[in-house]
Each structure stands twice: as structure tokens, then as C-alpha cells.
Amino acid sequence: MKEKIKEKEDLRRVVEVFKREGKRIVFTNGCFDLLHVGHVRYLEKAKTLGDILVVGVNSDRSVKELKGPLRPLLPQEERMEILSGLGCVNYVTLFDEPTPLALITALTPHVLVKGGDWSKETIVGRDVVEGSGGEVVVIPFVERSSTTRLIETILERYDQRT
């Protein structure tokens, strides 16, 4: 599945070919640290919104900035490889900036997708996508399904065993 993992510039060229073929490009992004059922349902739903699903993954450095010094639990290479193993994901790429704005600008997808923990007004890249005639879609959050909750559950259960 490593053929699904692309550098930004290579991915931009691939996306341009798909656009010329009339394919609808869907983009989403996130940390995807400890993939869980909420992630899978979210990505499967995102894929239904177009033909090609591209996932931008936060670099280890940017995850630390967003989530704190104990994260990520899995290194960026593993997180990208895990995502590339999902049938609904066509391409995975890494971004090191605090937000995916440069990546969204480079790809200019037809659909920008985020989870229900975001409001449309706060989604980075919304102006770029809507300005090019695309749309922004918020997919409802899967209740009780988050990496933080998973970490807390593991800590509680293993703390009780000691």
C-alpha cells in the first residue's frame, strides 16, 4: 500500500490528472494517532462524497504542537501506512505545517471534509475550496470514539491491574 503514500508535489500532479478525467477529489486531514472505529467510519463516509479520497496526515512535530509532548503514540510513517491500508483511502500525504492550508491550496479539492467537532466557519481551507466552486462537508462525530478516550481507557484498565 506504500504506493498510496505520496509527497505533496507528486500528489498534486496525480490529482491534476484525475481532475482532467472528471474525477471528484475529496480531501480530509488529521493526526490519525491510534486509528479507531470513528476514524474508519469518518473516512468511509468521506469517500462516498467523491471518487478519490486524499488524506493529509499531521507530521509528528505538528501533532506534538496540537496534542502535547506525549503525542503522537505512533510515528508518522506508521500512521500513514495504516491509513494507506484502508480500501476507502486512495492517497495519503504528510504535512508539517500547523494547518493543512498549503496542502489544500496546492490540491484544491472539490470537497473538503472535517469531523463534527469542527464548525464549517472554523475549517481551515474553506475559503480556498468554496472559492474554487467546491464544497465543505462536516461529518457527524462518532460519539464515545476518540484517540484520547481510547488512551484513557487503556490507562484506567491497566492501572487497575497493577
N, C-alpha and C. Protein backbone atom coordinates (compact mmCIF):
# COMPACT_ATOMS: atom_id res chain seq x y z
N MET A 1 0.81 -1.21 0.00
CA MET A 1 0.00 0.00 0.00
C MET A 1 0.85 1.27 0.00
N LYS A 2 2.15 1.11 0.02
CA LYS A 2 3.03 2.29 0.06
C LYS A 2 2.90 3.15 -1.19
N GLU A 3 2.38 2.58 -2.29
CA GLU A 3 2.19 3.38 -3.50
C GLU A 3 1.12 4.46 -3.30
N LYS A 4 0.32 4.32 -2.27
CA LYS A 4 -0.69 5.33 -1.95
C LYS A 4 -0.08 6.54 -1.23
N ILE A 5 1.11 6.40 -0.68
CA ILE A 5 1.75 7.47 0.08
C ILE A 5 2.57 8.32 -0.89
N LYS A 6 2.23 9.60 -0.98
CA LYS A 6 2.86 10.50 -1.94
C LYS A 6 3.38 11.76 -1.28
N GLU A 7 4.47 12.27 -1.81
CA GLU A 7 4.95 13.61 -1.44
C GLU A 7 3.97 14.62 -2.03
N LYS A 8 3.90 15.80 -1.43
CA LYS A 8 2.91 16.80 -1.84
C LYS A 8 2.97 17.12 -3.33
N GLU A 9 4.14 17.34 -3.87
CA GLU A 9 4.25 17.74 -5.28
C GLU A 9 3.84 16.61 -6.22
N ASP A 10 4.23 15.39 -5.89
CA ASP A 10 3.81 14.23 -6.69
C ASP A 10 2.29 14.07 -6.63
N LEU A 11 1.75 14.23 -5.45
CA LEU A 11 0.30 14.11 -5.27
C LEU A 11 -0.43 15.19 -6.05
N ARG A 12 0.09 16.40 -6.05
CA ARG A 12 -0.54 17.49 -6.80
C ARG A 12 -0.66 17.11 -8.28
N ARG A 13 0.40 16.54 -8.85
CA ARG A 13 0.37 16.12 -10.26
C ARG A 13 -0.66 15.01 -10.50
N VAL A 14 -0.70 14.05 -9.60
CA VAL A 14 -1.66 12.94 -9.71
C VAL A 14 -3.10 13.47 -9.65
N VAL A 15 -3.35 14.37 -8.71
CA VAL A 15 -4.68 14.95 -8.55
C VAL A 15 -5.08 15.74 -9.80
N GLU A 16 -4.16 16.45 -10.40
CA GLU A 16 -4.46 17.20 -11.62
C GLU A 16 -4.91 16.26 -12.74
N VAL A 17 -4.27 15.12 -12.88
CA VAL A 17 -4.66 14.14 -13.89
C VAL A 17 -6.09 13.66 -13.62
N PHE A 18 -6.38 13.33 -12.38
CA PHE A 18 -7.74 12.88 -12.04
C PHE A 18 -8.77 13.97 -12.32
N LYS A 19 -8.43 15.20 -12.02
CA LYS A 19 -9.37 16.30 -12.29
C LYS A 19 -9.65 16.41 -13.78
N ARG A 20 -8.61 16.29 -14.61
CA ARG A 20 -8.80 16.35 -16.07
C ARG A 20 -9.69 15.20 -16.56
N GLU A 21 -9.66 14.09 -15.84
CA GLU A 21 -10.50 12.94 -16.19
C GLU A 21 -11.92 13.09 -15.65
N GLY A 22 -12.19 14.20 -14.95
CA GLY A 22 -13.53 14.44 -14.43
C GLY A 22 -13.80 13.80 -13.08
N LYS A 23 -12.76 13.35 -12.41
CA LYS A 23 -12.93 12.73 -11.09
C LYS A 23 -13.12 13.80 -10.03
N ARG A 24 -13.95 13.47 -9.04
CA ARG A 24 -14.22 14.38 -7.92
C ARG A 24 -13.26 14.05 -6.78
N ILE A 25 -12.46 15.05 -6.38
CA ILE A 25 -11.42 14.88 -5.37
C ILE A 25 -11.95 15.31 -4.00
N VAL A 26 -11.82 14.42 -3.03
CA VAL A 26 -12.22 14.68 -1.65
C VAL A 26 -10.95 14.72 -0.80
N PHE A 27 -10.86 15.72 0.07
CA PHE A 27 -9.70 15.86 0.94
C PHE A 27 -10.14 15.95 2.39
N THR A 28 -9.39 15.28 3.25
CA THR A 28 -9.54 15.47 4.69
C THR A 28 -8.17 15.37 5.31
N ASN A 29 -8.09 15.72 6.56
CA ASN A 29 -6.79 15.68 7.24
C ASN A 29 -6.98 15.42 8.73
N GLY A 30 -5.88 15.03 9.36
CA GLY A 30 -5.91 14.82 10.80
C GLY A 30 -4.65 14.14 11.28
N CYS A 31 -4.62 13.88 12.58
CA CYS A 31 -3.47 13.22 13.20
C CYS A 31 -3.54 11.71 13.00
N PHE A 32 -4.72 11.14 13.14
CA PHE A 32 -4.96 9.71 12.99
C PHE A 32 -3.98 8.88 13.82
N ASP A 33 -3.85 9.29 15.07
CA ASP A 33 -2.99 8.59 16.03
C ASP A 33 -3.86 7.53 16.72
N LEU A 34 -3.50 6.29 16.63
CA LEU A 34 -4.32 5.16 17.09
C LEU A 34 -5.65 5.15 16.34
N LEU A 35 -5.63 4.61 15.16
CA LEU A 35 -6.82 4.53 14.33
C LEU A 35 -7.91 3.75 15.06
N HIS A 36 -9.12 4.30 15.07
CA HIS A 36 -10.25 3.66 15.75
C HIS A 36 -11.49 3.69 14.86
N VAL A 37 -12.56 3.09 15.33
CA VAL A 37 -13.77 2.95 14.53
C VAL A 37 -14.33 4.31 14.08
N GLY A 38 -14.20 5.33 14.89
CA GLY A 38 -14.66 6.66 14.50
C GLY A 38 -13.91 7.15 13.27
N HIS A 39 -12.59 6.94 13.24
CA HIS A 39 -11.80 7.31 12.07
C HIS A 39 -12.27 6.55 10.83
N VAL A 40 -12.45 5.24 10.98
CA VAL A 40 -12.81 4.40 9.84
C VAL A 40 -14.17 4.82 9.28
N ARG A 41 -15.15 5.01 10.13
CA ARG A 41 -16.48 5.42 9.67
C ARG A 41 -16.43 6.78 8.99
N TYR A 42 -15.66 7.67 9.56
CA TYR A 42 -15.48 9.02 9.01
C TYR A 42 -14.87 8.96 7.62
N LEU A 43 -13.80 8.18 7.47
CA LEU A 43 -13.12 8.09 6.17
C LEU A 43 -13.99 7.38 5.13
N GLU A 44 -14.72 6.36 5.54
CA GLU A 44 -15.63 5.69 4.61
C GLU A 44 -16.72 6.64 4.13
N LYS A 45 -17.26 7.44 5.02
CA LYS A 45 -18.28 8.42 4.64
C LYS A 45 -17.68 9.48 3.72
N ALA A 46 -16.49 9.95 4.03
CA ALA A 46 -15.82 10.95 3.20
C ALA A 46 -15.65 10.43 1.77
N LYS A 47 -15.28 9.17 1.63
CA LYS A 47 -15.07 8.57 0.31
C LYS A 47 -16.34 8.60 -0.53
N THR A 48 -17.51 8.49 0.11
CA THR A 48 -18.77 8.48 -0.64
C THR A 48 -19.07 9.84 -1.28
N LEU A 49 -18.33 10.87 -0.91
CA LEU A 49 -18.59 12.22 -1.41
C LEU A 49 -17.86 12.51 -2.72
N GLY A 50 -17.08 11.54 -3.21
CA GLY A 50 -16.35 11.76 -4.45
C GLY A 50 -15.73 10.48 -4.96
N ASP A 51 -14.77 10.65 -5.87
CA ASP A 51 -14.11 9.49 -6.50
C ASP A 51 -12.77 9.15 -5.87
N ILE A 52 -12.02 10.16 -5.47
CA ILE A 52 -10.67 9.98 -4.96
C ILE A 52 -10.59 10.62 -3.57
N LEU A 53 -10.22 9.83 -2.57
CA LEU A 53 -10.07 10.36 -1.20
C LEU A 53 -8.59 10.53 -0.89
N VAL A 54 -8.22 11.76 -0.59
CA VAL A 54 -6.86 12.11 -0.21
C VAL A 54 -6.87 12.48 1.27
N VAL A 55 -5.94 11.89 2.03
CA VAL A 55 -5.84 12.16 3.46
C VAL A 55 -4.51 12.83 3.76
N GLY A 56 -4.57 14.03 4.32
CA GLY A 56 -3.39 14.73 4.80
C GLY A 56 -3.15 14.36 6.25
N VAL A 57 -1.93 13.93 6.57
CA VAL A 57 -1.60 13.49 7.91
C VAL A 57 -0.63 14.48 8.55
N ASN A 58 -0.96 14.89 9.77
CA ASN A 58 -0.06 15.78 10.52
C ASN A 58 1.26 15.07 10.79
N SER A 59 2.35 15.78 10.62
CA SER A 59 3.66 15.23 10.96
C SER A 59 3.76 15.05 12.47
N ASP A 60 4.74 14.27 12.90
CA ASP A 60 4.95 14.08 14.34
C ASP A 60 5.11 15.42 15.04
N ARG A 61 5.89 16.32 14.43
CA ARG A 61 6.13 17.63 15.04
C ARG A 61 4.83 18.40 15.20
N SER A 62 3.99 18.40 14.17
CA SER A 62 2.74 19.18 14.28
C SER A 62 1.75 18.53 15.24
N VAL A 63 1.78 17.20 15.37
CA VAL A 63 0.92 16.53 16.36
C VAL A 63 1.32 16.96 17.76
N LYS A 64 2.62 17.00 18.03
CA LYS A 64 3.11 17.45 19.34
C LYS A 64 2.62 18.86 19.65
N GLU A 65 2.66 19.73 18.65
CA GLU A 65 2.16 21.10 18.83
C GLU A 65 0.69 21.12 19.18
N LEU A 66 -0.09 20.28 18.50
CA LEU A 66 -1.54 20.27 18.71
C LEU A 66 -1.98 19.51 19.95
N LYS A 67 -1.35 18.36 20.21
CA LYS A 67 -1.83 17.44 21.24
C LYS A 67 -0.96 17.37 22.49
N GLY A 68 0.24 17.95 22.43
CA GLY A 68 1.10 17.93 23.60
C GLY A 68 2.29 17.00 23.42
N PRO A 69 3.23 17.04 24.37
CA PRO A 69 4.51 16.34 24.22
C PRO A 69 4.43 14.81 24.27
N LEU A 70 3.32 14.25 24.74
CA LEU A 70 3.20 12.79 24.82
C LEU A 70 2.66 12.16 23.53
N ARG A 71 2.31 12.99 22.58
CA ARG A 71 1.73 12.51 21.33
C ARG A 71 2.64 12.91 20.17
N PRO A 72 2.62 12.20 19.07
CA PRO A 72 1.77 11.04 18.80
C PRO A 72 2.32 9.77 19.44
N LEU A 73 1.46 8.80 19.56
CA LEU A 73 1.87 7.49 20.05
C LEU A 73 2.52 6.68 18.94
N LEU A 74 2.01 6.84 17.74
CA LEU A 74 2.57 6.15 16.57
C LEU A 74 3.29 7.16 15.69
N PRO A 75 4.48 6.81 15.19
CA PRO A 75 5.21 7.74 14.33
C PRO A 75 4.49 7.96 12.99
N GLN A 76 4.77 9.09 12.37
CA GLN A 76 4.08 9.49 11.15
C GLN A 76 4.13 8.42 10.05
N GLU A 77 5.25 7.74 9.90
CA GLU A 77 5.36 6.72 8.86
C GLU A 77 4.35 5.59 9.09
N GLU A 78 4.19 5.18 10.36
CA GLU A 78 3.23 4.12 10.67
C GLU A 78 1.80 4.60 10.50
N ARG A 79 1.51 5.82 10.92
CA ARG A 79 0.16 6.35 10.78
C ARG A 79 -0.24 6.42 9.30
N MET A 80 0.70 6.84 8.45
CA MET A 80 0.42 6.92 7.01
C MET A 80 0.25 5.53 6.41
N GLU A 81 1.06 4.58 6.82
CA GLU A 81 0.96 3.23 6.29
C GLU A 81 -0.37 2.57 6.69
N ILE A 82 -0.78 2.76 7.93
CA ILE A 82 -2.06 2.21 8.39
C ILE A 82 -3.20 2.79 7.56
N LEU A 83 -3.21 4.10 7.37
CA LEU A 83 -4.26 4.74 6.58
C LEU A 83 -4.25 4.23 5.14
N SER A 84 -3.06 4.04 4.58
CA SER A 84 -2.97 3.58 3.19
C SER A 84 -3.52 2.17 3.03
N GLY A 85 -3.63 1.42 4.13
CA GLY A 85 -4.18 0.08 4.08
C GLY A 85 -5.70 0.04 4.01
N LEU A 86 -6.33 1.16 4.22
CA LEU A 86 -7.80 1.21 4.16
C LEU A 86 -8.26 1.31 2.70
N GLY A 87 -9.22 0.49 2.33
CA GLY A 87 -9.72 0.49 0.97
C GLY A 87 -10.33 1.80 0.52
N CYS A 88 -10.90 2.57 1.44
CA CYS A 88 -11.55 3.83 1.08
C CYS A 88 -10.56 4.96 0.82
N VAL A 89 -9.32 4.80 1.23
CA VAL A 89 -8.31 5.85 1.09
C VAL A 89 -7.51 5.61 -0.18
N ASN A 90 -7.48 6.61 -1.07
CA ASN A 90 -6.73 6.49 -2.31
C ASN A 90 -5.29 6.97 -2.17
N TYR A 91 -5.10 8.08 -1.46
CA TYR A 91 -3.76 8.65 -1.29
C TYR A 91 -3.61 9.25 0.09
N VAL A 92 -2.36 9.19 0.58
CA VAL A 92 -2.01 9.75 1.88
C VAL A 92 -0.77 10.62 1.68
N THR A 93 -0.76 11.77 2.33
CA THR A 93 0.41 12.63 2.26
C THR A 93 0.62 13.29 3.62
N LEU A 94 1.84 13.71 3.85
CA LEU A 94 2.23 14.30 5.13
C LEU A 94 2.30 15.81 5.00
N PHE A 95 1.89 16.52 6.06
CA PHE A 95 2.15 17.96 6.10
C PHE A 95 2.74 18.31 7.46
N ASP A 96 3.69 19.23 7.44
CA ASP A 96 4.44 19.58 8.64
C ASP A 96 4.02 20.93 9.23
N GLU A 97 3.22 21.67 8.50
CA GLU A 97 2.78 22.98 8.95
C GLU A 97 1.72 22.82 10.04
N PRO A 98 1.44 23.88 10.80
CA PRO A 98 0.41 23.79 11.85
C PRO A 98 -0.98 23.47 11.29
N THR A 99 -1.26 23.90 10.06
CA THR A 99 -2.55 23.62 9.43
C THR A 99 -2.29 23.07 8.02
N PRO A 100 -3.31 22.45 7.42
CA PRO A 100 -3.15 21.91 6.08
C PRO A 100 -3.42 22.92 4.97
N LEU A 101 -3.42 24.21 5.28
CA LEU A 101 -3.80 25.22 4.29
C LEU A 101 -2.95 25.15 3.02
N ALA A 102 -1.63 25.05 3.14
CA ALA A 102 -0.77 24.99 1.95
C ALA A 102 -1.09 23.76 1.11
N LEU A 103 -1.36 22.65 1.76
CA LEU A 103 -1.69 21.41 1.06
C LEU A 103 -3.04 21.53 0.35
N ILE A 104 -4.02 22.09 1.03
CA ILE A 104 -5.34 22.29 0.43
C ILE A 104 -5.24 23.24 -0.76
N THR A 105 -4.46 24.28 -0.61
CA THR A 105 -4.27 25.24 -1.69
C THR A 105 -3.60 24.57 -2.90
N ALA A 106 -2.62 23.73 -2.65
CA ALA A 106 -1.91 23.04 -3.74
C ALA A 106 -2.82 22.05 -4.46
N LEU A 107 -3.69 21.36 -3.73
CA LEU A 107 -4.55 20.34 -4.33
C LEU A 107 -5.89 20.87 -4.82
N THR A 108 -6.40 21.91 -4.18
CA THR A 108 -7.71 22.48 -4.45
C THR A 108 -8.75 21.39 -4.73
N PRO A 109 -9.08 20.62 -3.69
CA PRO A 109 -10.06 19.54 -3.87
C PRO A 109 -11.46 20.08 -4.15
N HIS A 110 -12.31 19.20 -4.69
CA HIS A 110 -13.71 19.57 -4.91
C HIS A 110 -14.50 19.57 -3.61
N VAL A 111 -14.08 18.68 -2.68
CA VAL A 111 -14.78 18.55 -1.40
C VAL A 111 -13.74 18.53 -0.28
N LEU A 112 -13.96 19.35 0.72
CA LEU A 112 -13.14 19.39 1.93
C LEU A 112 -14.01 18.86 3.07
N VAL A 113 -13.50 17.84 3.76
CA VAL A 113 -14.30 17.17 4.80
C VAL A 113 -13.60 17.28 6.14
N LYS A 114 -14.39 17.55 7.18
CA LYS A 114 -13.89 17.53 8.56
C LYS A 114 -14.94 16.87 9.43
N GLY A 115 -14.52 16.46 10.62
CA GLY A 115 -15.42 15.82 11.56
C GLY A 115 -16.30 16.80 12.28
N GLY A 116 -17.32 16.27 12.92
CA GLY A 116 -18.33 17.07 13.59
C GLY A 116 -17.84 17.87 14.77
N ASP A 117 -16.58 17.70 15.16
CA ASP A 117 -16.04 18.53 16.23
C ASP A 117 -15.56 19.88 15.68
N TRP A 118 -15.78 20.11 14.38
CA TRP A 118 -15.45 21.39 13.73
C TRP A 118 -16.73 22.04 13.23
N SER A 119 -16.79 23.37 13.30
CA SER A 119 -17.89 24.08 12.65
C SER A 119 -17.37 24.52 11.28
N LYS A 120 -18.27 24.63 10.33
CA LYS A 120 -17.87 24.98 8.96
C LYS A 120 -17.05 26.27 8.92
N GLU A 121 -17.42 27.22 9.76
CA GLU A 121 -16.76 28.53 9.76
C GLU A 121 -15.30 28.45 10.22
N THR A 122 -14.95 27.44 10.99
CA THR A 122 -13.59 27.34 11.53
C THR A 122 -12.69 26.38 10.75
N ILE A 123 -13.20 25.79 9.70
CA ILE A 123 -12.43 24.80 8.94
C ILE A 123 -11.39 25.50 8.07
N VAL A 124 -10.14 25.15 8.31
CA VAL A 124 -9.03 25.71 7.54
C VAL A 124 -9.13 25.24 6.10
N GLY A 125 -9.02 26.18 5.17
CA GLY A 125 -9.09 25.86 3.75
C GLY A 125 -10.47 26.03 3.15
N ARG A 126 -11.44 26.33 3.98
CA ARG A 126 -12.82 26.51 3.49
C ARG A 126 -12.89 27.55 2.39
N ASP A 127 -12.22 28.70 2.60
CA ASP A 127 -12.25 29.77 1.61
C ASP A 127 -11.65 29.33 0.28
N VAL A 128 -10.57 28.56 0.33
CA VAL A 128 -9.91 28.07 -0.88
C VAL A 128 -10.85 27.17 -1.66
N VAL A 129 -11.45 26.20 -0.97
CA VAL A 129 -12.30 25.22 -1.63
C VAL A 129 -13.58 25.86 -2.14
N GLU A 130 -14.26 26.61 -1.31
CA GLU A 130 -15.50 27.26 -1.74
C GLU A 130 -15.22 28.30 -2.82
N GLY A 131 -14.08 28.98 -2.72
CA GLY A 131 -13.70 29.97 -3.73
C GLY A 131 -13.46 29.38 -5.10
N SER A 132 -13.14 28.09 -5.14
CA SER A 132 -12.91 27.42 -6.43
C SER A 132 -14.15 26.65 -6.89
N GLY A 133 -15.27 26.86 -6.20
CA GLY A 133 -16.52 26.21 -6.60
C GLY A 133 -16.79 24.89 -5.89
N GLY A 134 -15.92 24.52 -4.94
CA GLY A 134 -16.09 23.27 -4.21
C GLY A 134 -16.98 23.44 -2.99
N GLU A 135 -17.07 22.38 -2.22
CA GLU A 135 -17.92 22.42 -1.04
C GLU A 135 -17.19 21.89 0.19
N VAL A 136 -17.67 22.31 1.34
CA VAL A 136 -17.13 21.86 2.62
C VAL A 136 -18.22 21.06 3.31
N VAL A 137 -17.85 19.86 3.78
CA VAL A 137 -18.82 18.97 4.42
C VAL A 137 -18.32 18.61 5.81
N VAL A 138 -19.21 18.71 6.79
CA VAL A 138 -18.91 18.29 8.16
C VAL A 138 -19.63 16.97 8.40
N ILE A 139 -18.85 15.95 8.74
CA ILE A 139 -19.41 14.62 9.02
C ILE A 139 -19.60 14.50 10.52
N PRO A 140 -20.79 14.06 10.95
CA PRO A 140 -21.06 13.97 12.39
C PRO A 140 -20.00 13.13 13.13
N PHE A 141 -19.68 13.59 14.31
CA PHE A 141 -18.72 12.94 15.19
C PHE A 141 -19.29 11.63 15.71
N VAL A 142 -18.50 10.57 15.74
CA VAL A 142 -18.94 9.29 16.31
C VAL A 142 -18.78 9.38 17.83
N GLU A 143 -19.89 9.38 18.53
CA GLU A 143 -19.88 9.53 19.98
C GLU A 143 -19.02 8.46 20.64
N ARG A 144 -18.33 8.85 21.68
CA ARG A 144 -17.53 7.96 22.52
C ARG A 144 -16.39 7.29 21.73
N SER A 145 -15.98 7.92 20.64
CA SER A 145 -14.92 7.34 19.82
C SER A 145 -13.86 8.39 19.54
N SER A 146 -12.78 8.35 20.31
CA SER A 146 -11.68 9.28 20.09
C SER A 146 -10.38 8.64 20.59
N THR A 147 -9.29 9.12 20.05
CA THR A 147 -7.99 8.60 20.47
C THR A 147 -7.76 8.91 21.95
N THR A 148 -8.13 10.12 22.37
CA THR A 148 -7.95 10.50 23.78
C THR A 148 -8.74 9.56 24.68
N ARG A 149 -9.97 9.26 24.30
CA ARG A 149 -10.80 8.34 25.10
C ARG A 149 -10.18 6.94 25.12
N LEU A 150 -9.65 6.50 24.00
CA LEU A 150 -9.01 5.20 23.92
C LEU A 150 -7.79 5.13 24.84
N ILE A 151 -6.99 6.18 24.83
CA ILE A 151 -5.82 6.24 25.71
C ILE A 151 -6.26 6.20 27.18
N GLU A 152 -7.30 6.97 27.52
CA GLU A 152 -7.80 6.99 28.89
C GLU A 152 -8.30 5.61 29.33
N THR A 153 -8.99 4.91 28.43
CA THR A 153 -9.49 3.57 28.74
C THR A 153 -8.34 2.62 29.01
N ILE A 154 -7.33 2.66 28.17
CA ILE A 154 -6.15 1.79 28.35
C ILE A 154 -5.49 2.08 29.69
N LEU A 155 -5.30 3.35 29.99
CA LEU A 155 -4.65 3.72 31.26
C LEU A 155 -5.47 3.26 32.45
N GLU A 156 -6.79 3.45 32.40
CA GLU A 156 -7.65 3.02 33.51
C GLU A 156 -7.61 1.51 33.70
N ARG A 157 -7.72 0.77 32.63
CA ARG A 157 -7.75 -0.69 32.73
C ARG A 157 -6.40 -1.24 33.19
N TYR A 158 -5.32 -0.74 32.68
CA TYR A 158 -4.02 -1.27 33.07
C TYR A 158 -3.58 -0.77 34.43
N ASP A 159 -4.07 0.39 34.84
CA ASP A 159 -3.78 0.90 36.18
C ASP A 159 -4.46 0.01 37.23
N GLN A 160 -5.65 -0.50 36.90
CA GLN A 160 -6.39 -1.38 37.83
C GLN A 160 -5.71 -2.74 38.00
N ARG A 161 -4.94 -3.15 37.02
CA ARG A 161 -4.30 -4.47 37.06
C ARG A 161 -3.01 -4.47 37.89
N THR A 162 -2.47 -3.30 38.15
CA THR A 162 -1.18 -3.25 38.87
C THR A 162 -1.36 -3.20 40.37
